[in-house]
Amino acid sequence: MYLASFIALVGSLLFTYFGIPLGAMFGALIALLLTSKAGFTLTLPKSTLTGVQLILGTTVGSIVPVQTLSKGYPILLFIGLVLCMSAQVLTSYIWLYKREKWSKYESLLGSVPGAMAAVLVINEKHNSPSSKVVFTHTVRLIFLIIASALLVSTDKSPIPGPAISLDNLCILLPLFLAYFSGLLFDKIGTPAPYMVTGMLATMFVNAGLPSYNFLVPTELVFIATSALGALIGIRLKDITGADVFSYARAGIIATTLSLTVTVSFAYIFSKLIDKEFLVLLMSWVPGSVESMTVAAIYLGLEPALIMLSHIIRMIILHSIPLCSNVYKHLRSNYER
């Protein structure tokens, strides 16, 4: 499993050296894809995603003041998020069901605007979604990380944070607090739990101990971005050429419809509320919370708000199967 981590890091260093946008992510992703296609069996340590969430959450918390929490999450922003998410699902569902002739079940899973984890929760009757559903989400993921890389390439500002030194080892304090708090959040089913605790712990520690330098070293952000690329690469390694040719049309069109809806809602609400179009777009695109947070950090686009928007969306998606089960239970008891 450590071989995969080493290969990913080498790929990240090479892509970064040649100045490729989001090179840390793309280098790791492509390095693992090529290695796996060469016949090597690659796995990552189970703690990889936890580490990515901790570092990204802590990075957001270190550059966002705790006073931001007092503003809360704007109600109009929440309404826009829910309406946009509903329209994303509806448009993709209609296309997949009516034009691609998928089943209602597969059409719903293929149109859910979230990471694969949410799809697996909704897909509780099976061990895994069908290959066409996996491919649709894969197309969406690839498109979004490429789009993120193009956006990042227009902003040459460095990632916030100093180099690793004895002076900034104090960042270990919020990291430890975030990890142990994240264990509790994980137990109660909070999506991206360590990102939430990483952000909150660093915000409050920075406020309580202002004389210390609780900034995440640049090297740690680089490692987290590389690890995220490795996680994506591991997930994509099983997609075959046959899958690409069979489901490319459905995946591309569903993704295009979903992104068109997102652009439309982001533009409309940017006129209604005091938020930039790009901030709303990054907040509502149907991507994973980790990928969009990385892009937000690089771009300096209100990473706390963008991260929270994706977490709220994931909470809503994870709540759907729970509400469905409660409804079925109450209905069966009533019928008895």
Protein backbone atom coordinates (compact mmCIF):
# COMPACT_ATOMS: atom_id res chain seq x y z
CA MET A 1 0.00 0.00 0.00
CA TYR A 2 2.93 2.34 0.63
CA LEU A 3 4.17 1.72 -2.92
CA ALA A 4 1.04 3.44 -4.22
CA SER A 5 1.67 6.44 -1.94
CA PHE A 6 5.29 6.68 -3.14
CA ILE A 7 4.31 6.46 -6.82
CA ALA A 8 1.64 9.12 -6.29
CA LEU A 9 4.12 11.47 -4.60
CA VAL A 10 6.66 11.05 -7.41
CA GLY A 11 3.97 11.82 -9.99
CA SER A 12 2.93 14.90 -8.04
CA LEU A 13 6.50 16.20 -7.85
CA LEU A 14 7.02 15.69 -11.60
CA PHE A 15 3.80 17.44 -12.62
CA THR A 16 4.48 20.31 -10.23
CA TYR A 17 8.05 20.68 -11.51
CA PHE A 18 6.73 21.12 -15.07
CA GLY A 19 4.22 23.73 -13.92
CA ILE A 20 1.01 21.79 -14.65
CA PRO A 21 -2.02 23.36 -12.88
CA LEU A 22 -3.01 21.33 -9.81
CA GLY A 23 0.05 19.20 -10.60
CA ALA A 24 0.05 17.59 -7.16
CA MET A 25 -3.42 16.16 -7.78
CA PHE A 26 -3.11 15.29 -11.46
CA GLY A 27 0.40 13.87 -11.13
CA ALA A 28 -0.67 11.40 -8.45
CA LEU A 29 -3.86 10.50 -10.32
CA ILE A 30 -2.17 9.78 -13.65
CA ALA A 31 0.82 8.02 -12.07
CA LEU A 32 -1.45 5.54 -10.29
CA LEU A 33 -3.68 5.04 -13.33
CA LEU A 34 -0.69 4.20 -15.55
CA THR A 35 0.86 1.94 -12.92
CA SER A 36 -2.37 0.03 -12.34
CA LYS A 37 -2.92 -0.41 -16.10
CA ALA A 38 0.60 -1.87 -16.28
CA GLY A 39 -0.64 -4.75 -14.13
CA PHE A 40 0.37 -3.66 -10.65
CA THR A 41 -2.08 -4.12 -7.77
CA LEU A 42 -2.21 -0.87 -5.85
CA THR A 43 -3.93 0.06 -2.62
CA LEU A 44 -3.71 3.05 -0.32
CA PRO A 45 -3.64 3.07 3.50
CA LYS A 46 -7.13 3.24 5.00
CA SER A 47 -6.17 6.43 6.81
CA THR A 48 -5.46 8.33 3.57
CA LEU A 49 -8.87 9.99 3.27
CA THR A 50 -8.82 10.88 6.98
CA GLY A 51 -5.45 12.58 6.53
CA VAL A 52 -6.63 14.50 3.48
CA GLN A 53 -9.71 15.75 5.31
CA LEU A 54 -7.73 16.75 8.41
CA ILE A 55 -5.13 18.77 6.49
CA LEU A 56 -7.64 20.46 4.17
CA GLY A 57 -10.02 21.27 7.02
CA THR A 58 -7.17 22.64 9.13
CA THR A 59 -5.92 24.70 6.18
CA VAL A 60 -9.33 26.30 5.77
CA GLY A 61 -9.56 26.95 9.52
CA SER A 62 -6.10 28.55 9.58
CA ILE A 63 -6.96 31.17 6.94
CA VAL A 64 -10.54 31.90 7.99
CA PRO A 65 -11.24 33.83 11.24
CA VAL A 66 -13.62 32.33 13.80
CA GLN A 67 -15.82 35.43 13.47
CA THR A 68 -16.97 33.97 10.15
CA LEU A 69 -19.09 31.46 12.07
CA SER A 70 -21.11 34.25 13.68
CA LYS A 71 -22.49 35.13 10.25
CA GLY A 72 -23.99 31.68 9.93
CA TYR A 73 -25.01 30.19 6.60
CA PRO A 74 -27.14 32.72 4.68
CA ILE A 75 -30.72 31.51 4.22
CA LEU A 76 -30.80 32.65 0.57
CA LEU A 77 -27.63 30.66 -0.06
CA PHE A 78 -29.26 27.58 1.47
CA ILE A 79 -32.38 28.05 -0.65
CA GLY A 80 -30.23 28.41 -3.74
CA LEU A 81 -28.28 25.27 -2.84
CA VAL A 82 -31.44 23.18 -2.41
CA LEU A 83 -33.09 24.53 -5.58
CA CYS A 84 -29.94 24.03 -7.62
CA MET A 85 -29.43 20.49 -6.31
CA SER A 86 -33.08 19.61 -7.04
CA ALA A 87 -32.81 20.95 -10.59
CA GLN A 88 -29.54 19.06 -11.13
CA VAL A 89 -31.20 15.78 -10.13
CA LEU A 90 -34.36 16.43 -12.13
CA THR A 91 -32.69 17.35 -15.43
CA SER A 92 -30.20 14.48 -15.32
CA TYR A 93 -32.88 12.01 -14.23
CA ILE A 94 -35.22 12.96 -17.08
CA TRP A 95 -32.46 12.56 -19.64
CA LEU A 96 -31.16 9.22 -18.33
CA TYR A 97 -34.65 7.76 -17.92
CA LYS A 98 -36.40 9.14 -21.00
CA ARG A 99 -33.61 9.30 -23.58
CA GLU A 100 -31.01 6.78 -22.41
CA LYS A 101 -33.69 4.28 -21.32
CA TRP A 102 -32.05 3.56 -17.97
CA SER A 103 -34.20 2.14 -15.18
CA LYS A 104 -35.73 4.60 -12.70
CA TYR A 105 -33.37 3.30 -10.03
CA GLU A 106 -30.19 3.72 -12.13
CA SER A 107 -31.39 7.09 -13.44
CA LEU A 108 -31.79 8.39 -9.89
CA LEU A 109 -28.36 7.17 -8.80
CA GLY A 110 -26.73 8.55 -11.93
CA SER A 111 -28.25 11.97 -11.37
CA VAL A 112 -27.39 12.40 -7.67
CA PRO A 113 -25.00 15.41 -7.54
CA GLY A 114 -22.48 14.16 -5.05
CA ALA A 115 -19.50 11.95 -4.36
CA MET A 116 -19.82 8.19 -4.74
CA ALA A 117 -20.20 7.77 -0.98
CA ALA A 118 -23.66 9.34 -1.09
CA VAL A 119 -24.63 7.09 -4.00
CA LEU A 120 -23.57 4.02 -2.06
CA VAL A 121 -25.69 5.10 0.91
CA ILE A 122 -28.76 5.58 -1.29
CA ASN A 123 -27.93 2.34 -3.09
CA GLU A 124 -28.44 0.32 0.09
CA LYS A 125 -30.11 -2.64 -1.63
CA HIS A 126 -26.98 -3.59 -3.57
CA ASN A 127 -23.29 -3.98 -2.81
CA SER A 128 -22.32 -1.48 -5.50
CA PRO A 129 -23.96 0.60 -8.21
CA SER A 130 -24.06 -0.64 -11.80
CA SER A 131 -21.10 0.17 -14.04
CA LYS A 132 -23.08 2.79 -15.95
CA VAL A 133 -23.79 4.68 -12.71
CA VAL A 134 -20.13 4.50 -11.69
CA PHE A 135 -19.09 5.81 -15.10
CA THR A 136 -21.52 8.73 -15.00
CA HIS A 137 -20.07 9.88 -11.68
CA THR A 138 -16.55 9.29 -12.99
CA VAL A 139 -17.14 11.54 -16.01
CA ARG A 140 -18.49 14.23 -13.68
CA LEU A 141 -15.47 13.94 -11.38
CA ILE A 142 -12.92 14.10 -14.22
CA PHE A 143 -14.64 17.11 -15.80
CA LEU A 144 -14.72 19.01 -12.51
CA ILE A 145 -11.09 18.44 -11.56
CA ILE A 146 -10.00 19.46 -15.08
CA ALA A 147 -12.15 22.59 -14.82
CA SER A 148 -10.65 23.30 -11.39
CA ALA A 149 -7.15 22.96 -12.82
CA LEU A 150 -7.98 25.44 -15.59
CA LEU A 151 -9.33 27.92 -13.05
CA VAL A 152 -6.29 27.50 -10.82
CA SER A 153 -3.98 28.09 -13.79
CA THR A 154 -5.30 31.66 -14.00
CA ASP A 155 -4.26 32.39 -10.41
CA LYS A 156 -0.55 32.23 -9.69
CA SER A 157 -0.79 33.09 -5.99
CA PRO A 158 0.90 30.54 -3.71
CA ILE A 159 -0.94 28.39 -1.22
CA PRO A 160 -1.19 30.14 2.17
CA GLY A 161 1.27 28.83 4.70
CA PRO A 162 4.98 28.75 5.59
CA ALA A 163 7.49 25.98 5.00
CA ILE A 164 7.78 23.24 7.64
CA SER A 165 9.94 24.31 10.56
CA LEU A 166 10.15 23.98 14.35
CA ASP A 167 8.29 27.29 14.63
CA ASN A 168 5.07 25.96 13.10
CA LEU A 169 4.94 22.51 14.70
CA CYS A 170 2.25 24.04 16.92
CA ILE A 171 -0.17 23.17 14.10
CA LEU A 172 -0.09 19.67 15.62
CA LEU A 173 -2.34 20.93 18.44
CA PRO A 174 -5.43 21.65 16.29
CA LEU A 175 -4.66 18.56 14.20
CA PHE A 176 -4.84 16.32 17.27
CA LEU A 177 -7.97 18.06 18.53
CA ALA A 178 -9.56 17.70 15.11
CA TYR A 179 -8.70 14.01 14.85
CA PHE A 180 -10.21 12.99 18.18
CA SER A 181 -13.25 15.20 17.64
CA GLY A 182 -13.59 13.74 14.15
CA LEU A 183 -13.85 10.24 15.62
CA LEU A 184 -17.03 11.35 17.39
CA PHE A 185 -18.42 13.13 14.33
CA ASP A 186 -17.71 10.03 12.27
CA LYS A 187 -19.65 7.85 14.71
CA ILE A 188 -22.78 9.99 14.35
CA GLY A 189 -22.56 9.88 10.55
CA THR A 190 -21.41 13.42 9.70
CA PRO A 191 -20.23 13.68 6.06
CA ALA A 192 -16.53 14.64 5.75
CA PRO A 193 -16.23 14.64 9.58
CA TYR A 194 -12.52 15.41 9.81
CA MET A 195 -12.82 18.38 7.48
CA VAL A 196 -15.47 19.85 9.76
CA THR A 197 -13.46 19.30 12.95
CA GLY A 198 -10.22 20.40 11.28
CA MET A 199 -11.75 23.72 10.32
CA LEU A 200 -13.49 24.31 13.68
CA ALA A 201 -10.55 23.23 15.85
CA THR A 202 -8.08 25.48 14.03
CA MET A 203 -10.46 28.45 14.04
CA PHE A 204 -10.99 28.26 17.80
CA VAL A 205 -7.34 27.52 18.67
CA ASN A 206 -6.24 30.48 16.52
CA ALA A 207 -8.74 32.70 18.36
CA GLY A 208 -7.75 31.41 21.81
CA LEU A 209 -3.98 31.51 21.24
CA PRO A 210 -3.39 34.46 18.88
CA SER A 211 0.32 34.70 19.69
CA TYR A 212 1.05 31.35 18.02
CA ASN A 213 1.37 30.70 14.30
CA PHE A 214 -1.28 28.08 13.50
CA LEU A 215 -0.73 28.02 9.75
CA VAL A 216 -0.57 24.75 7.82
CA PRO A 217 2.86 24.31 6.16
CA THR A 218 2.81 24.40 2.37
CA GLU A 219 4.35 20.93 2.21
CA LEU A 220 1.43 19.41 4.14
CA VAL A 221 -1.08 20.97 1.74
CA PHE A 222 0.96 19.55 -1.14
CA ILE A 223 0.93 16.07 0.42
CA ALA A 224 -2.83 16.26 1.04
CA THR A 225 -3.45 17.34 -2.56
CA SER A 226 -1.28 14.49 -3.82
CA ALA A 227 -3.12 12.01 -1.60
CA LEU A 228 -6.45 13.26 -2.94
CA GLY A 229 -5.24 12.67 -6.49
CA ALA A 230 -4.14 9.18 -5.45
CA LEU A 231 -7.58 8.43 -4.01
CA ILE A 232 -9.23 9.54 -7.25
CA GLY A 233 -6.77 7.50 -9.32
CA ILE A 234 -7.42 4.36 -7.26
CA ARG A 235 -11.16 4.82 -7.76
CA LEU A 236 -10.83 5.25 -11.51
CA LYS A 237 -8.43 2.36 -12.13
CA ASP A 238 -11.22 -0.20 -12.67
CA ILE A 239 -12.98 1.77 -15.42
CA THR A 240 -12.40 -0.17 -18.65
CA GLY A 241 -12.36 0.88 -22.28
CA ALA A 242 -15.63 -0.96 -22.77
CA ASP A 243 -17.26 1.19 -20.08
CA VAL A 244 -16.03 4.34 -21.79
CA PHE A 245 -17.49 3.43 -25.17
CA SER A 246 -20.74 2.07 -23.70
CA TYR A 247 -21.66 4.92 -21.39
CA ALA A 248 -19.66 7.94 -22.60
CA ARG A 249 -22.64 9.63 -24.24
CA ALA A 250 -24.91 9.27 -21.21
CA GLY A 251 -22.21 10.37 -18.77
CA ILE A 252 -21.13 13.42 -20.77
CA ILE A 253 -24.67 14.64 -21.43
CA ALA A 254 -25.81 14.11 -17.83
CA THR A 255 -22.75 16.00 -16.59
CA THR A 256 -23.27 18.81 -19.10
CA LEU A 257 -26.92 19.20 -18.06
CA SER A 258 -25.97 19.25 -14.39
CA LEU A 259 -23.26 21.87 -14.91
CA THR A 260 -25.53 24.01 -17.11
CA VAL A 261 -28.07 24.07 -14.27
CA THR A 262 -25.31 25.01 -11.81
CA VAL A 263 -24.03 27.88 -13.96
CA SER A 264 -27.58 29.21 -14.41
CA PHE A 265 -28.40 29.14 -10.68
CA ALA A 266 -25.02 30.60 -9.72
CA TYR A 267 -25.52 33.50 -12.14
CA ILE A 268 -29.10 34.21 -11.00
CA PHE A 269 -28.26 34.11 -7.28
CA SER A 270 -25.09 36.18 -7.76
CA LYS A 271 -27.48 38.96 -8.77
CA LEU A 272 -29.74 38.36 -5.75
CA ILE A 273 -27.17 38.07 -2.97
CA ASP A 274 -23.79 39.60 -2.24
CA LYS A 275 -21.67 36.70 -3.49
CA GLU A 276 -19.40 36.37 -6.48
CA PHE A 277 -20.55 34.16 -9.35
CA LEU A 278 -17.43 31.99 -9.12
CA VAL A 279 -17.90 31.46 -5.37
CA LEU A 280 -21.48 30.28 -5.91
CA LEU A 281 -20.42 28.12 -8.83
CA MET A 282 -17.73 26.38 -6.76
CA SER A 283 -20.20 26.00 -3.88
CA TRP A 284 -22.90 24.29 -5.95
CA VAL A 285 -21.03 22.23 -8.55
CA PRO A 286 -21.74 18.49 -8.11
CA GLY A 287 -18.21 17.57 -7.03
CA SER A 288 -16.65 16.00 -3.96
CA VAL A 289 -16.08 18.23 -0.95
CA GLU A 290 -12.34 17.45 -0.91
CA SER A 291 -11.72 18.33 -4.58
CA MET A 292 -13.68 21.56 -4.45
CA THR A 293 -12.01 22.62 -1.19
CA VAL A 294 -8.56 22.13 -2.74
CA ALA A 295 -9.56 24.34 -5.68
CA ALA A 296 -11.05 26.95 -3.33
CA ILE A 297 -7.86 27.07 -1.26
CA TYR A 298 -5.70 27.58 -4.35
CA LEU A 299 -8.05 30.23 -5.75
CA GLY A 300 -8.72 32.02 -2.46
CA LEU A 301 -12.49 31.85 -3.04
CA GLU A 302 -14.03 31.76 0.46
CA PRO A 303 -12.95 28.14 1.13
CA ALA A 304 -14.96 27.92 4.38
CA LEU A 305 -18.21 28.83 2.66
CA ILE A 306 -17.54 26.51 -0.28
CA MET A 307 -16.61 23.63 2.00
CA LEU A 308 -19.70 24.13 4.17
CA SER A 309 -21.93 24.26 1.09
CA HIS A 310 -20.71 20.86 -0.06
CA ILE A 311 -20.98 19.39 3.42
CA ILE A 312 -24.57 20.65 3.74
CA ARG A 313 -25.38 19.09 0.36
CA MET A 314 -23.88 15.80 1.52
CA ILE A 315 -25.88 15.93 4.76
CA ILE A 316 -29.08 16.37 2.73
CA LEU A 317 -28.16 13.48 0.44
CA HIS A 318 -27.25 11.20 3.34
CA SER A 319 -30.52 12.11 5.09
CA ILE A 320 -32.68 10.95 2.17
CA PRO A 321 -32.28 7.19 2.78
CA LEU A 322 -32.73 7.71 6.53
CA CYS A 323 -35.99 9.62 6.01
CA SER A 324 -37.10 6.99 3.50
CA ASN A 325 -36.50 4.17 6.00
CA VAL A 326 -38.36 6.04 8.75
CA TYR A 327 -41.30 6.64 6.42
CA LYS A 328 -41.42 2.97 5.39
CA HIS A 329 -41.27 1.87 9.03
CA LEU A 330 -44.07 4.22 10.09
CA ARG A 331 -46.18 3.22 7.12
CA SER A 332 -45.78 -0.51 7.81
CA ASN A 333 -46.74 0.01 11.46
CA TYR A 334 -49.80 2.04 10.44
CA GLU A 335 -50.96 -0.62 7.97
CA ARG A 336 -50.77 -3.27 10.67
